Amino acid sequence: INFGAYVGLGAVRSQVVGAADRPPTAAE
């Protein structure tokens, strides 16, 4: 089949912030 793809908040946030319940820093 044909496919398009999104970039996801969960994947991006996990890569940078991890699984913690906190906001990202400005740098993050």
PDB file of all heavy atoms in Angstrom:
ATOM      1  N   ILE A   1       0.842  -1.195   0.000  1.00  0.00           N
ATOM      2  CA  ILE A   1       0.000   0.000   0.000  1.00  0.00           C
ATOM      3  C   ILE A   1       0.884   1.253   0.000  1.00  0.00           C
ATOM      4  O   ILE A   1       2.061   1.212   0.335  1.00  0.00           O
ATOM      5  CB  ILE A   1      -0.934   0.037   1.222  1.00  0.00           C
ATOM      6  CG1 ILE A   1      -0.124   0.084   2.527  1.00  0.00           C
ATOM      7  CG2 ILE A   1      -1.889  -1.155   1.202  1.00  0.00           C
ATOM      8  CD1 ILE A   1      -0.963   0.303   3.772  1.00  0.00           C
ATOM      9  N   ASN A   2       0.287   2.365  -0.359  1.00  0.00           N
ATOM     10  CA  ASN A   2       0.933   3.661  -0.217  1.00  0.00           C
ATOM     11  C   ASN A   2       0.834   4.101   1.242  1.00  0.00           C
ATOM     12  O   ASN A   2      -0.106   3.738   1.951  1.00  0.00           O
ATOM     13  CB  ASN A   2       0.232   4.708  -1.082  1.00  0.00           C
ATOM     14  CG  ASN A   2       0.098   4.294  -2.533  1.00  0.00           C
ATOM     15  OD1 ASN A   2       1.074   3.936  -3.179  1.00  0.00           O
ATOM     16  ND2 ASN A   2      -1.126   4.343  -3.055  1.00  0.00           N
ATOM     17  N   PHE A   3       1.776   4.931   1.682  1.00  0.00           N
ATOM     18  CA  PHE A   3       1.658   5.432   3.049  1.00  0.00           C
ATOM     19  C   PHE A   3       2.303   6.790   3.207  1.00  0.00           C
ATOM     20  O   PHE A   3       3.331   7.101   2.618  1.00  0.00           O
ATOM     21  CB  PHE A   3       2.270   4.445   4.054  1.00  0.00           C
ATOM     22  CG  PHE A   3       3.739   4.202   3.894  1.00  0.00           C
ATOM     23  CD1 PHE A   3       4.673   4.944   4.606  1.00  0.00           C
ATOM     24  CD2 PHE A   3       4.204   3.221   3.023  1.00  0.00           C
ATOM     25  CE1 PHE A   3       6.027   4.712   4.454  1.00  0.00           C
ATOM     26  CE2 PHE A   3       5.559   2.984   2.869  1.00  0.00           C
ATOM     27  CZ  PHE A   3       6.478   3.740   3.591  1.00  0.00           C
ATOM     28  N   GLY A   4       1.642   7.621   4.005  1.00  0.00           N
ATOM     29  CA  GLY A   4       2.193   8.870   4.501  1.00  0.00           C
ATOM     30  C   GLY A   4       2.464   8.712   5.982  1.00  0.00           C
ATOM     31  O   GLY A   4       2.017   7.761   6.615  1.00  0.00           O
ATOM     32  N   ALA A   5       3.195   9.670   6.586  1.00  0.00           N
ATOM     33  CA  ALA A   5       3.588   9.526   7.988  1.00  0.00           C
ATOM     34  C   ALA A   5       3.582  10.864   8.701  1.00  0.00           C
ATOM     35  O   ALA A   5       3.949  11.894   8.136  1.00  0.00           O
ATOM     36  CB  ALA A   5       4.978   8.890   8.093  1.00  0.00           C
ATOM     37  N   TYR A   6       3.146  10.817   9.955  1.00  0.00           N
ATOM     38  CA  TYR A   6       3.233  11.971  10.853  1.00  0.00           C
ATOM     39  C   TYR A   6       4.501  11.896  11.687  1.00  0.00           C
ATOM     40  O   TYR A   6       5.052  10.810  11.922  1.00  0.00           O
ATOM     41  CB  TYR A   6       2.049  11.976  11.829  1.00  0.00           C
ATOM     42  CG  TYR A   6       0.730  12.356  11.237  1.00  0.00           C
ATOM     43  CD1 TYR A   6      -0.202  11.387  10.877  1.00  0.00           C
ATOM     44  CD2 TYR A   6       0.390  13.698  11.051  1.00  0.00           C
ATOM     45  CE1 TYR A   6      -1.431  11.738  10.353  1.00  0.00           C
ATOM     46  CE2 TYR A   6      -0.839  14.054  10.528  1.00  0.00           C
ATOM     47  CZ  TYR A   6      -1.740  13.079  10.174  1.00  0.00           C
ATOM     48  OH  TYR A   6      -2.951  13.430   9.658  1.00  0.00           O
ATOM     49  N   VAL A   7       4.926  13.038  12.204  1.00  0.00           N
ATOM     50  CA  VAL A   7       5.874  13.072  13.305  1.00  0.00           C
ATOM     51  C   VAL A   7       5.042  13.224  14.574  1.00  0.00           C
ATOM     52  O   VAL A   7       4.074  13.984  14.609  1.00  0.00           O
ATOM     53  CB  VAL A   7       6.888  14.221  13.157  1.00  0.00           C
ATOM     54  CG1 VAL A   7       6.226  15.592  13.036  1.00  0.00           C
ATOM     55  CG2 VAL A   7       7.881  14.210  14.319  1.00  0.00           C
ATOM     56  N   GLY A   8       5.390  12.474  15.618  1.00  0.00           N
ATOM     57  CA  GLY A   8       4.529  12.388  16.792  1.00  0.00           C
ATOM     58  C   GLY A   8       5.097  13.067  18.020  1.00  0.00           C
ATOM     59  O   GLY A   8       6.303  12.973  18.316  1.00  0.00           O
ATOM     60  N   LEU A   9       4.221  13.722  18.768  1.00  0.00           N
ATOM     61  CA  LEU A   9       4.602  14.338  20.031  1.00  0.00           C
ATOM     62  C   LEU A   9       5.213  13.318  20.981  1.00  0.00           C
ATOM     63  O   LEU A   9       6.215  13.593  21.653  1.00  0.00           O
ATOM     64  CB  LEU A   9       3.380  14.988  20.686  1.00  0.00           C
ATOM     65  CG  LEU A   9       3.552  15.449  22.136  1.00  0.00           C
ATOM     66  CD1 LEU A   9       4.585  16.565  22.243  1.00  0.00           C
ATOM     67  CD2 LEU A   9       2.219  15.883  22.734  1.00  0.00           C
ATOM     68  N   GLY A  10       4.619  12.127  21.059  1.00  0.00           N
ATOM     69  CA  GLY A  10       5.110  11.125  21.995  1.00  0.00           C
ATOM     70  C   GLY A  10       6.530  10.709  21.693  1.00  0.00           C
ATOM     71  O   GLY A  10       7.365  10.595  22.601  1.00  0.00           O
ATOM     72  N   ALA A  11       6.826  10.477  20.415  1.00  0.00           N
ATOM     73  CA  ALA A  11       8.170  10.066  20.031  1.00  0.00           C
ATOM     74  C   ALA A  11       9.171  11.182  20.267  1.00  0.00           C
ATOM     75  O   ALA A  11      10.282  10.954  20.758  1.00  0.00           O
ATOM     76  CB  ALA A  11       8.185   9.629  18.571  1.00  0.00           C
ATOM     77  N   VAL A  12       8.790  12.411  19.931  1.00  0.00           N
ATOM     78  CA  VAL A  12       9.682  13.556  20.110  1.00  0.00           C
ATOM     79  C   VAL A  12       9.911  13.832  21.592  1.00  0.00           C
ATOM     80  O   VAL A  12      11.048  14.022  22.047  1.00  0.00           O
ATOM     81  CB  VAL A  12       9.099  14.791  19.404  1.00  0.00           C
ATOM     82  CG1 VAL A  12       9.843  16.058  19.788  1.00  0.00           C
ATOM     83  CG2 VAL A  12       9.121  14.604  17.885  1.00  0.00           C
ATOM     84  N   ARG A  13       8.842  13.830  22.367  1.00  0.00           N
ATOM     85  CA  ARG A  13       8.968  14.124  23.797  1.00  0.00           C
ATOM     86  C   ARG A  13       9.771  13.040  24.515  1.00  0.00           C
ATOM     87  O   ARG A  13      10.613  13.335  25.373  1.00  0.00           O
ATOM     88  CB  ARG A  13       7.569  14.248  24.418  1.00  0.00           C
ATOM     89  CG  ARG A  13       7.570  14.957  25.771  1.00  0.00           C
ATOM     90  CD  ARG A  13       6.148  15.130  26.302  1.00  0.00           C
ATOM     91  NE  ARG A  13       6.046  16.300  27.146  1.00  0.00           N
ATOM     92  CZ  ARG A  13       6.354  16.328  28.440  1.00  0.00           C
ATOM     93  NH1 ARG A  13       6.799  15.224  29.026  1.00  0.00           N
ATOM     94  NH2 ARG A  13       6.219  17.432  29.150  1.00  0.00           N
ATOM     95  N   SER A  14       9.520  11.792  24.175  1.00  0.00           N
ATOM     96  CA  SER A  14      10.264  10.704  24.810  1.00  0.00           C
ATOM     97  C   SER A  14      11.745  10.790  24.507  1.00  0.00           C
ATOM     98  O   SER A  14      12.587  10.514  25.366  1.00  0.00           O
ATOM     99  CB  SER A  14       9.707   9.349  24.351  1.00  0.00           C
ATOM    100  OG  SER A  14       8.375   9.176  24.791  1.00  0.00           O
ATOM    101  N   GLN A  15      12.084  11.178  23.279  1.00  0.00           N
ATOM    102  CA  GLN A  15      13.486  11.274  22.891  1.00  0.00           C
ATOM    103  C   GLN A  15      14.202  12.375  23.657  1.00  0.00           C
ATOM    104  O   GLN A  15      15.380  12.239  24.012  1.00  0.00           O
ATOM    105  CB  GLN A  15      13.588  11.529  21.387  1.00  0.00           C
ATOM    106  CG  GLN A  15      15.018  11.603  20.855  1.00  0.00           C
ATOM    107  CD  GLN A  15      15.069  11.623  19.340  1.00  0.00           C
ATOM    108  OE1 GLN A  15      14.294  10.939  18.668  1.00  0.00           O
ATOM    109  NE2 GLN A  15      15.978  12.413  18.771  1.00  0.00           N
ATOM    110  N   VAL A  16      13.497  13.470  23.936  1.00  0.00           N
ATOM    111  CA  VAL A  16      14.141  14.634  24.545  1.00  0.00           C
ATOM    112  C   VAL A  16      13.930  14.687  26.058  1.00  0.00           C
ATOM    113  O   VAL A  16      14.868  14.925  26.820  1.00  0.00           O
ATOM    114  CB  VAL A  16      13.635  15.931  23.893  1.00  0.00           C
ATOM    115  CG1 VAL A  16      14.228  17.155  24.579  1.00  0.00           C
ATOM    116  CG2 VAL A  16      13.961  15.946  22.400  1.00  0.00           C
ATOM    117  N   VAL A  17      12.699  14.464  26.518  1.00  0.00           N
ATOM    118  CA  VAL A  17      12.350  14.633  27.932  1.00  0.00           C
ATOM    119  C   VAL A  17      12.317  13.302  28.665  1.00  0.00           C
ATOM    120  O   VAL A  17      12.588  13.238  29.867  1.00  0.00           O
ATOM    121  CB  VAL A  17      10.991  15.360  28.074  1.00  0.00           C
ATOM    122  CG1 VAL A  17      10.591  15.510  29.533  1.00  0.00           C
ATOM    123  CG2 VAL A  17      11.040  16.724  27.398  1.00  0.00           C
ATOM    124  N   GLY A  18      11.971  12.233  27.945  1.00  0.00           N
ATOM    125  CA  GLY A  18      11.800  10.938  28.593  1.00  0.00           C
ATOM    126  C   GLY A  18      10.367  10.730  29.031  1.00  0.00           C
ATOM    127  O   GLY A  18       9.439  11.311  28.470  1.00  0.00           O
ATOM    128  N   ALA A  19      10.178   9.909  30.063  1.00  0.00           N
ATOM    129  CA  ALA A  19       8.829   9.543  30.515  1.00  0.00           C
ATOM    130  C   ALA A  19       8.372  10.339  31.725  1.00  0.00           C
ATOM    131  O   ALA A  19       7.369  10.002  32.348  1.00  0.00           O
ATOM    132  CB  ALA A  19       8.790   8.057  30.848  1.00  0.00           C
ATOM    133  N   ALA A  20       9.079  11.414  32.072  1.00  0.00           N
ATOM    134  CA  ALA A  20       8.777  12.162  33.289  1.00  0.00           C
ATOM    135  C   ALA A  20       7.598  13.105  33.107  1.00  0.00           C
ATOM    136  O   ALA A  20       7.367  13.649  32.025  1.00  0.00           O
ATOM    137  CB  ALA A  20      10.003  12.963  33.720  1.00  0.00           C
ATOM    138  N   ASP A  21       6.869  13.307  34.188  1.00  0.00           N
ATOM    139  CA  ASP A  21       5.747  14.240  34.224  1.00  0.00           C
ATOM    140  C   ASP A  21       6.283  15.620  34.591  1.00  0.00           C
ATOM    141  O   ASP A  21       6.272  16.043  35.749  1.00  0.00           O
ATOM    142  CB  ASP A  21       4.708  13.773  35.246  1.00  0.00           C
ATOM    143  CG  ASP A  21       3.472  14.679  35.288  1.00  0.00           C
ATOM    144  OD1 ASP A  21       3.443  15.660  34.520  1.00  0.00           O
ATOM    145  OD2 ASP A  21       2.562  14.405  36.087  1.00  0.00           O
ATOM    146  N   ARG A  22       6.776  16.316  33.590  1.00  0.00           N
ATOM    147  CA  ARG A  22       7.289  17.668  33.779  1.00  0.00           C
ATOM    148  C   ARG A  22       7.324  18.365  32.428  1.00  0.00           C
ATOM    149  O   ARG A  22       7.383  17.724  31.372  1.00  0.00           O
ATOM    150  CB  ARG A  22       8.694  17.655  34.388  1.00  0.00           C
ATOM    151  CG  ARG A  22       9.770  17.065  33.490  1.00  0.00           C
ATOM    152  CD  ARG A  22      11.163  17.306  34.063  1.00  0.00           C
ATOM    153  NE  ARG A  22      12.221  16.716  33.249  1.00  0.00           N
ATOM    154  CZ  ARG A  22      12.749  17.288  32.160  1.00  0.00           C
ATOM    155  NH1 ARG A  22      12.288  18.461  31.727  1.00  0.00           N
ATOM    156  NH2 ARG A  22      13.725  16.688  31.483  1.00  0.00           N
ATOM    157  N   PRO A  23       7.311  19.692  32.429  1.00  0.00           N
ATOM    158  CA  PRO A  23       7.439  20.405  31.163  1.00  0.00           C
ATOM    159  C   PRO A  23       8.878  20.394  30.685  1.00  0.00           C
ATOM    160  O   PRO A  23       9.815  20.239  31.481  1.00  0.00           O
ATOM    161  CB  PRO A  23       6.992  21.834  31.518  1.00  0.00           C
ATOM    162  CG  PRO A  23       7.283  21.962  32.981  1.00  0.00           C
ATOM    163  CD  PRO A  23       7.056  20.597  33.567  1.00  0.00           C
ATOM    164  N   PRO A  24       9.094  20.554  29.404  1.00  0.00           N
ATOM    165  CA  PRO A  24      10.473  20.639  28.903  1.00  0.00           C
ATOM    166  C   PRO A  24      11.100  21.969  29.306  1.00  0.00           C
ATOM    167  O   PRO A  24      10.405  22.979  29.475  1.00  0.00           O
ATOM    168  CB  PRO A  24      10.296  20.550  27.383  1.00  0.00           C
ATOM    169  CG  PRO A  24       8.926  21.098  27.137  1.00  0.00           C
ATOM    170  CD  PRO A  24       8.100  20.692  28.318  1.00  0.00           C
ATOM    171  N   THR A  25      12.391  21.952  29.456  1.00  0.00           N
ATOM    172  CA  THR A  25      13.110  23.215  29.630  1.00  0.00           C
ATOM    173  C   THR A  25      13.108  23.964  28.304  1.00  0.00           C
ATOM    174  O   THR A  25      12.747  23.418  27.250  1.00  0.00           O
ATOM    175  CB  THR A  25      14.547  22.956  30.073  1.00  0.00           C
ATOM    176  OG1 THR A  25      15.239  22.290  28.999  1.00  0.00           O
ATOM    177  CG2 THR A  25      14.602  22.091  31.334  1.00  0.00           C
ATOM    178  N   ALA A  26      13.546  25.215  28.350  1.00  0.00           N
ATOM    179  CA  ALA A  26      13.618  26.000  27.116  1.00  0.00           C
ATOM    180  C   ALA A  26      14.539  25.330  26.106  1.00  0.00           C
ATOM    181  O   ALA A  26      14.232  25.276  24.903  1.00  0.00           O
ATOM    182  CB  ALA A  26      14.087  27.420  27.429  1.00  0.00           C
ATOM    183  N   ALA A  27      15.649  24.797  26.601  1.00  0.00           N
ATOM    184  CA  ALA A  27      16.581  24.128  25.682  1.00  0.00           C
ATOM    185  C   ALA A  27      15.959  22.864  25.104  1.00  0.00           C
ATOM    186  O   ALA A  27      16.124  22.564  23.911  1.00  0.00           O
ATOM    187  CB  ALA A  27      17.877  23.799  26.416  1.00  0.00           C
ATOM    188  N   GLU A  28      15.262  22.119  25.942  1.00  0.00           N
ATOM    189  CA  GLU A  28      14.616  20.886  25.466  1.00  0.00           C
ATOM    190  C   GLU A  28      13.519  21.194  24.463  1.00  0.00           C
ATOM    191  O   GLU A  28      13.369  20.484  23.455  1.00  0.00           O
ATOM    192  CB  GLU A  28      14.051  20.112  26.650  1.00  0.00           C
ATOM    193  CG  GLU A  28      15.113  19.444  27.505  1.00  0.00           C
ATOM    194  CD  GLU A  28      14.556  18.871  28.791  1.00  0.00           C
ATOM    195  OE1 GLU A  28      13.490  19.340  29.253  1.00  0.00           O
ATOM    196  OE2 GLU A  28      15.191  17.954  29.342  1.00  0.00           O
TER     197      GLU A  28
END
